Amino acid sequence: MTEKIIIQKRPPKSPAAAGILSGIFPGIGQIYNGQYTKGILFLVIFIGLITMQPHGGQPFQGLLLAGFYIFQIIEAAQSAKEINRLALVANGLEVSGQATAPKTLEAEVAKSAKSGSVFWGIVLMALGAIFLLSNFDVIDYDRIFNFWPVIVIVIGLKMIADYFAKKNN
């Protein structure tokens, strides 16, 4: 008579560990998740936000730093959950009470890898150009930060445009 030993597989990534690592130092949770480019990008953004702190007296800079810090912690945990969900789909196990066949893995991966618009790339390039010009004293940080509400307006307009684009499809 032989005994069967059942070993349950652990999820590939721990959302708690990803969040804690990101809390210790920004970008490390993303690197733990295997998202190296995103982790390095978050680290560079964090260093840039820290560097900007002494250049202006507006509270927006501190709020921006705090918001980014909290965002990257939550994003690391959510990414770990998504990695675990895709691992369950790959094994053909149940996800959200629905059995998924392994053949739907290709559709799941294509869905998660689907890229959106080029909006965020353009925003990052514009911000990079503005900060580069500011580093060479072509424009002034204080003058830039007087217009920070424009960023909120542009993001709101993008969200409205995305809503109507999805509604029309």
C-alpha atoms as a PDB file:
ATOM      1  CA  MET A   1       0.000   0.000   0.000  1.00  0.00           C
ATOM      2  CA  THR A   2       1.483   3.290  -1.051  1.00  0.00           C
ATOM      3  CA  GLU A   3       0.590   6.660   0.300  1.00  0.00           C
ATOM      4  CA  LYS A   4      -0.127   9.515  -2.013  1.00  0.00           C
ATOM      5  CA  ILE A   5       1.399  12.775  -1.015  1.00  0.00           C
ATOM      6  CA  ILE A   6      -0.362  15.786  -2.445  1.00  0.00           C
ATOM      7  CA  ILE A   7       1.778  18.857  -2.742  1.00  0.00           C
ATOM      8  CA  GLN A   8      -0.058  22.024  -3.538  1.00  0.00           C
ATOM      9  CA  LYS A   9       1.714  24.461  -5.781  1.00  0.00           C
ATOM     10  CA  ARG A  10       2.372  27.856  -4.327  1.00  0.00           C
ATOM     11  CA  PRO A  11       1.383  30.877  -6.347  1.00  0.00           C
ATOM     12  CA  PRO A  12       4.344  32.163  -8.357  1.00  0.00           C
ATOM     13  CA  LYS A  13       4.381  35.597  -6.700  1.00  0.00           C
ATOM     14  CA  SER A  14       3.250  36.900  -3.334  1.00  0.00           C
ATOM     15  CA  PRO A  15       1.278  40.168  -3.527  1.00  0.00           C
ATOM     16  CA  ALA A  16       2.194  40.932   0.083  1.00  0.00           C
ATOM     17  CA  ALA A  17       5.912  40.450  -0.582  1.00  0.00           C
ATOM     18  CA  ALA A  18       5.719  42.610  -3.722  1.00  0.00           C
ATOM     19  CA  GLY A  19       3.945  45.388  -1.803  1.00  0.00           C
ATOM     20  CA  ILE A  20       6.350  45.237   1.149  1.00  0.00           C
ATOM     21  CA  LEU A  21       9.398  45.285  -1.127  1.00  0.00           C
ATOM     22  CA  SER A  22       7.998  48.290  -2.973  1.00  0.00           C
ATOM     23  CA  GLY A  23       7.358  49.963   0.370  1.00  0.00           C
ATOM     24  CA  ILE A  24      10.967  49.428   1.400  1.00  0.00           C
ATOM     25  CA  PHE A  25      12.324  50.894  -1.829  1.00  0.00           C
ATOM     26  CA  PRO A  26      10.316  51.883  -4.925  1.00  0.00           C
ATOM     27  CA  GLY A  27      10.679  49.598  -7.938  1.00  0.00           C
ATOM     28  CA  ILE A  28      11.933  46.566  -6.007  1.00  0.00           C
ATOM     29  CA  GLY A  29       8.441  44.997  -5.891  1.00  0.00           C
ATOM     30  CA  GLN A  30       8.199  45.211  -9.661  1.00  0.00           C
ATOM     31  CA  ILE A  31      11.651  43.648 -10.008  1.00  0.00           C
ATOM     32  CA  TYR A  32      10.489  40.854  -7.649  1.00  0.00           C
ATOM     33  CA  ASN A  33       7.549  40.293 -10.018  1.00  0.00           C
ATOM     34  CA  GLY A  34       9.975  39.915 -12.929  1.00  0.00           C
ATOM     35  CA  GLN A  35       9.013  43.264 -14.451  1.00  0.00           C
ATOM     36  CA  TYR A  36      12.553  44.591 -14.640  1.00  0.00           C
ATOM     37  CA  THR A  37      11.934  47.477 -17.032  1.00  0.00           C
ATOM     38  CA  LYS A  38       8.991  48.734 -15.000  1.00  0.00           C
ATOM     39  CA  GLY A  39      10.986  48.411 -11.776  1.00  0.00           C
ATOM     40  CA  ILE A  40      13.901  50.418 -13.138  1.00  0.00           C
ATOM     41  CA  LEU A  41      11.514  53.014 -14.589  1.00  0.00           C
ATOM     42  CA  PHE A  42       9.757  53.403 -11.215  1.00  0.00           C
ATOM     43  CA  LEU A  43      13.132  53.740  -9.514  1.00  0.00           C
ATOM     44  CA  VAL A  44      14.196  56.469 -11.955  1.00  0.00           C
ATOM     45  CA  ILE A  45      10.868  58.293 -11.531  1.00  0.00           C
ATOM     46  CA  PHE A  46      11.216  58.126  -7.739  1.00  0.00           C
ATOM     47  CA  ILE A  47      14.769  59.478  -7.863  1.00  0.00           C
ATOM     48  CA  GLY A  48      13.612  62.261 -10.190  1.00  0.00           C
ATOM     49  CA  LEU A  49      10.787  63.213  -7.836  1.00  0.00           C
ATOM     50  CA  ILE A  50      13.183  63.266  -4.876  1.00  0.00           C
ATOM     51  CA  THR A  51      15.609  65.436  -6.855  1.00  0.00           C
ATOM     52  CA  MET A  52      12.857  67.942  -7.693  1.00  0.00           C
ATOM     53  CA  GLN A  53      11.901  68.521  -4.048  1.00  0.00           C
ATOM     54  CA  PRO A  54      14.301  71.363  -3.210  1.00  0.00           C
ATOM     55  CA  HIS A  55      13.659  73.244  -6.488  1.00  0.00           C
ATOM     56  CA  GLY A  56      10.218  74.592  -5.700  1.00  0.00           C
ATOM     57  CA  GLY A  57       8.054  75.615  -2.805  1.00  0.00           C
ATOM     58  CA  GLN A  58       4.745  74.247  -4.014  1.00  0.00           C
ATOM     59  CA  PRO A  59       3.084  71.472  -2.024  1.00  0.00           C
ATOM     60  CA  PHE A  60       2.214  69.768  -5.306  1.00  0.00           C
ATOM     61  CA  GLN A  61       5.710  68.310  -5.547  1.00  0.00           C
ATOM     62  CA  GLY A  62       5.402  66.610  -2.164  1.00  0.00           C
ATOM     63  CA  LEU A  63       1.929  65.348  -3.006  1.00  0.00           C
ATOM     64  CA  LEU A  64       3.194  64.036  -6.332  1.00  0.00           C
ATOM     65  CA  LEU A  65       5.992  62.154  -4.570  1.00  0.00           C
ATOM     66  CA  ALA A  66       3.624  60.704  -1.967  1.00  0.00           C
ATOM     67  CA  GLY A  67       1.062  59.741  -4.608  1.00  0.00           C
ATOM     68  CA  PHE A  68       3.660  57.993  -6.742  1.00  0.00           C
ATOM     69  CA  TYR A  69       5.081  56.164  -3.711  1.00  0.00           C
ATOM     70  CA  ILE A  70       1.647  54.809  -2.748  1.00  0.00           C
ATOM     71  CA  PHE A  71       0.751  54.035  -6.380  1.00  0.00           C
ATOM     72  CA  GLN A  72       3.839  51.913  -6.981  1.00  0.00           C
ATOM     73  CA  ILE A  73       3.159  49.845  -3.830  1.00  0.00           C
ATOM     74  CA  ILE A  74      -0.413  49.112  -4.936  1.00  0.00           C
ATOM     75  CA  GLU A  75       0.707  48.449  -8.512  1.00  0.00           C
ATOM     76  CA  ALA A  76       3.288  45.874  -7.369  1.00  0.00           C
ATOM     77  CA  ALA A  77       0.670  43.955  -5.379  1.00  0.00           C
ATOM     78  CA  GLN A  78      -1.852  44.089  -8.246  1.00  0.00           C
ATOM     79  CA  SER A  79       0.756  42.894 -10.742  1.00  0.00           C
ATOM     80  CA  ALA A  80       1.603  39.942  -8.486  1.00  0.00           C
ATOM     81  CA  LYS A  81      -2.106  39.022  -8.339  1.00  0.00           C
ATOM     82  CA  GLU A  82      -2.332  39.198 -12.140  1.00  0.00           C
ATOM     83  CA  ILE A  83       0.770  37.005 -12.511  1.00  0.00           C
ATOM     84  CA  ASN A  84      -0.829  34.439 -10.178  1.00  0.00           C
ATOM     85  CA  ARG A  85      -4.124  34.575 -12.093  1.00  0.00           C
ATOM     86  CA  LEU A  86      -2.344  33.973 -15.401  1.00  0.00           C
ATOM     87  CA  ALA A  87      -0.436  31.071 -13.811  1.00  0.00           C
ATOM     88  CA  LEU A  88      -3.752  29.484 -12.801  1.00  0.00           C
ATOM     89  CA  VAL A  89      -5.086  29.957 -16.313  1.00  0.00           C
ATOM     90  CA  ALA A  90      -1.929  28.355 -17.713  1.00  0.00           C
ATOM     91  CA  ASN A  91      -2.502  25.308 -15.516  1.00  0.00           C
ATOM     92  CA  GLY A  92      -6.134  25.041 -16.623  1.00  0.00           C
ATOM     93  CA  LEU A  93      -7.463  25.638 -13.118  1.00  0.00           C
ATOM     94  CA  GLU A  94     -10.522  27.577 -12.085  1.00  0.00           C
ATOM     95  CA  VAL A  95     -10.364  31.351 -12.029  1.00  0.00           C
ATOM     96  CA  SER A  96     -13.244  33.335 -10.516  1.00  0.00           C
ATOM     97  CA  GLY A  97     -15.462  30.266 -10.334  1.00  0.00           C
ATOM     98  CA  GLN A  98     -15.201  29.517 -14.045  1.00  0.00           C
ATOM     99  CA  ALA A  99     -13.206  26.637 -15.426  1.00  0.00           C
ATOM    100  CA  THR A 100     -10.786  27.777 -18.073  1.00  0.00           C
ATOM    101  CA  ALA A 101      -9.300  25.529 -20.674  1.00  0.00           C
ATOM    102  CA  PRO A 102      -5.575  25.706 -21.403  1.00  0.00           C
ATOM    103  CA  LYS A 103      -6.365  26.720 -24.984  1.00  0.00           C
ATOM    104  CA  THR A 104      -7.666  30.080 -23.698  1.00  0.00           C
ATOM    105  CA  LEU A 105      -4.204  30.908 -22.364  1.00  0.00           C
ATOM    106  CA  GLU A 106      -3.225  32.436 -25.688  1.00  0.00           C
ATOM    107  CA  ALA A 107      -6.286  34.682 -25.560  1.00  0.00           C
ATOM    108  CA  GLU A 108      -5.529  35.661 -21.942  1.00  0.00           C
ATOM    109  CA  VAL A 109      -1.917  36.494 -22.722  1.00  0.00           C
ATOM    110  CA  ALA A 110      -2.941  38.461 -25.819  1.00  0.00           C
ATOM    111  CA  LYS A 111      -5.535  40.323 -23.742  1.00  0.00           C
ATOM    112  CA  SER A 112      -3.029  41.222 -21.024  1.00  0.00           C
ATOM    113  CA  ALA A 113      -0.330  42.191 -23.538  1.00  0.00           C
ATOM    114  CA  LYS A 114      -2.712  44.313 -25.587  1.00  0.00           C
ATOM    115  CA  SER A 115      -1.387  47.817 -25.755  1.00  0.00           C
ATOM    116  CA  GLY A 116      -3.540  50.865 -25.415  1.00  0.00           C
ATOM    117  CA  SER A 117      -2.946  54.199 -27.010  1.00  0.00           C
ATOM    118  CA  VAL A 118       0.281  56.108 -27.335  1.00  0.00           C
ATOM    119  CA  PHE A 119      -1.020  58.735 -24.901  1.00  0.00           C
ATOM    120  CA  TRP A 120       1.201  57.793 -21.946  1.00  0.00           C
ATOM    121  CA  GLY A 121       4.280  57.573 -24.140  1.00  0.00           C
ATOM    122  CA  ILE A 122       3.640  61.082 -25.426  1.00  0.00           C
ATOM    123  CA  VAL A 123       3.023  62.354 -21.874  1.00  0.00           C
ATOM    124  CA  LEU A 124       6.294  60.843 -20.629  1.00  0.00           C
ATOM    125  CA  MET A 125       8.239  62.241 -23.580  1.00  0.00           C
ATOM    126  CA  ALA A 126       6.763  65.720 -23.016  1.00  0.00           C
ATOM    127  CA  LEU A 127       7.548  65.612 -19.289  1.00  0.00           C
ATOM    128  CA  GLY A 128      11.077  64.442 -20.030  1.00  0.00           C
ATOM    129  CA  ALA A 129      11.598  67.262 -22.517  1.00  0.00           C
ATOM    130  CA  ILE A 130      10.251  69.847 -20.063  1.00  0.00           C
ATOM    131  CA  PHE A 131      12.463  68.623 -17.230  1.00  0.00           C
ATOM    132  CA  LEU A 132      15.489  68.456 -19.532  1.00  0.00           C
ATOM    133  CA  LEU A 133      14.938  72.050 -20.649  1.00  0.00           C
ATOM    134  CA  SER A 134      14.537  73.038 -17.026  1.00  0.00           C
ATOM    135  CA  ASN A 135      17.842  71.384 -16.099  1.00  0.00           C
ATOM    136  CA  PHE A 136      19.570  73.579 -18.695  1.00  0.00           C
ATOM    137  CA  ASP A 137      17.798  76.691 -17.335  1.00  0.00           C
ATOM    138  CA  VAL A 138      15.854  77.207 -20.554  1.00  0.00           C
ATOM    139  CA  ILE A 139      12.637  77.198 -18.535  1.00  0.00           C
ATOM    140  CA  ASP A 140      12.070  77.552 -14.804  1.00  0.00           C
ATOM    141  CA  TYR A 141      10.712  74.812 -12.502  1.00  0.00           C
ATOM    142  CA  ASP A 142       8.494  77.320 -10.714  1.00  0.00           C
ATOM    143  CA  ARG A 143       6.899  78.362 -13.995  1.00  0.00           C
ATOM    144  CA  ILE A 144       6.303  74.705 -14.932  1.00  0.00           C
ATOM    145  CA  PHE A 145       4.608  73.864 -11.657  1.00  0.00           C
ATOM    146  CA  ASN A 146       2.207  76.785 -12.002  1.00  0.00           C
ATOM    147  CA  PHE A 147       0.606  74.797 -14.832  1.00  0.00           C
ATOM    148  CA  TRP A 148       0.344  71.401 -13.100  1.00  0.00           C
ATOM    149  CA  PRO A 149      -3.503  71.388 -13.220  1.00  0.00           C
ATOM    150  CA  VAL A 150      -3.235  71.105 -17.019  1.00  0.00           C
ATOM    151  CA  ILE A 151      -1.963  67.528 -16.508  1.00  0.00           C
ATOM    152  CA  VAL A 152      -5.143  66.648 -14.595  1.00  0.00           C
ATOM    153  CA  ILE A 153      -7.301  68.209 -17.319  1.00  0.00           C
ATOM    154  CA  VAL A 154      -5.494  66.296 -20.092  1.00  0.00           C
ATOM    155  CA  ILE A 155      -5.828  62.982 -18.232  1.00  0.00           C
ATOM    156  CA  GLY A 156      -9.537  63.660 -17.682  1.00  0.00           C
ATOM    157  CA  LEU A 157     -10.030  64.388 -21.374  1.00  0.00           C
ATOM    158  CA  LYS A 158      -8.222  61.154 -22.258  1.00  0.00           C
ATOM    159  CA  MET A 159     -10.472  59.166 -19.927  1.00  0.00           C
ATOM    160  CA  ILE A 160     -13.585  60.696 -21.506  1.00  0.00           C
ATOM    161  CA  ALA A 161     -12.274  59.974 -25.013  1.00  0.00           C
ATOM    162  CA  ASP A 162     -11.520  56.346 -24.041  1.00  0.00           C
ATOM    163  CA  TYR A 163     -15.035  55.962 -22.621  1.00  0.00           C
ATOM    164  CA  PHE A 164     -16.663  57.138 -25.834  1.00  0.00           C
ATOM    165  CA  ALA A 165     -14.297  55.055 -27.960  1.00  0.00           C
ATOM    166  CA  LYS A 166     -15.274  51.900 -26.047  1.00  0.00           C
ATOM    167  CA  LYS A 167     -18.955  52.835 -26.200  1.00  0.00           C
ATOM    168  CA  ASN A 168     -18.808  53.194 -29.993  1.00  0.00           C
ATOM    169  CA  ASN A 169     -17.161  49.765 -30.466  1.00  0.00           C
END
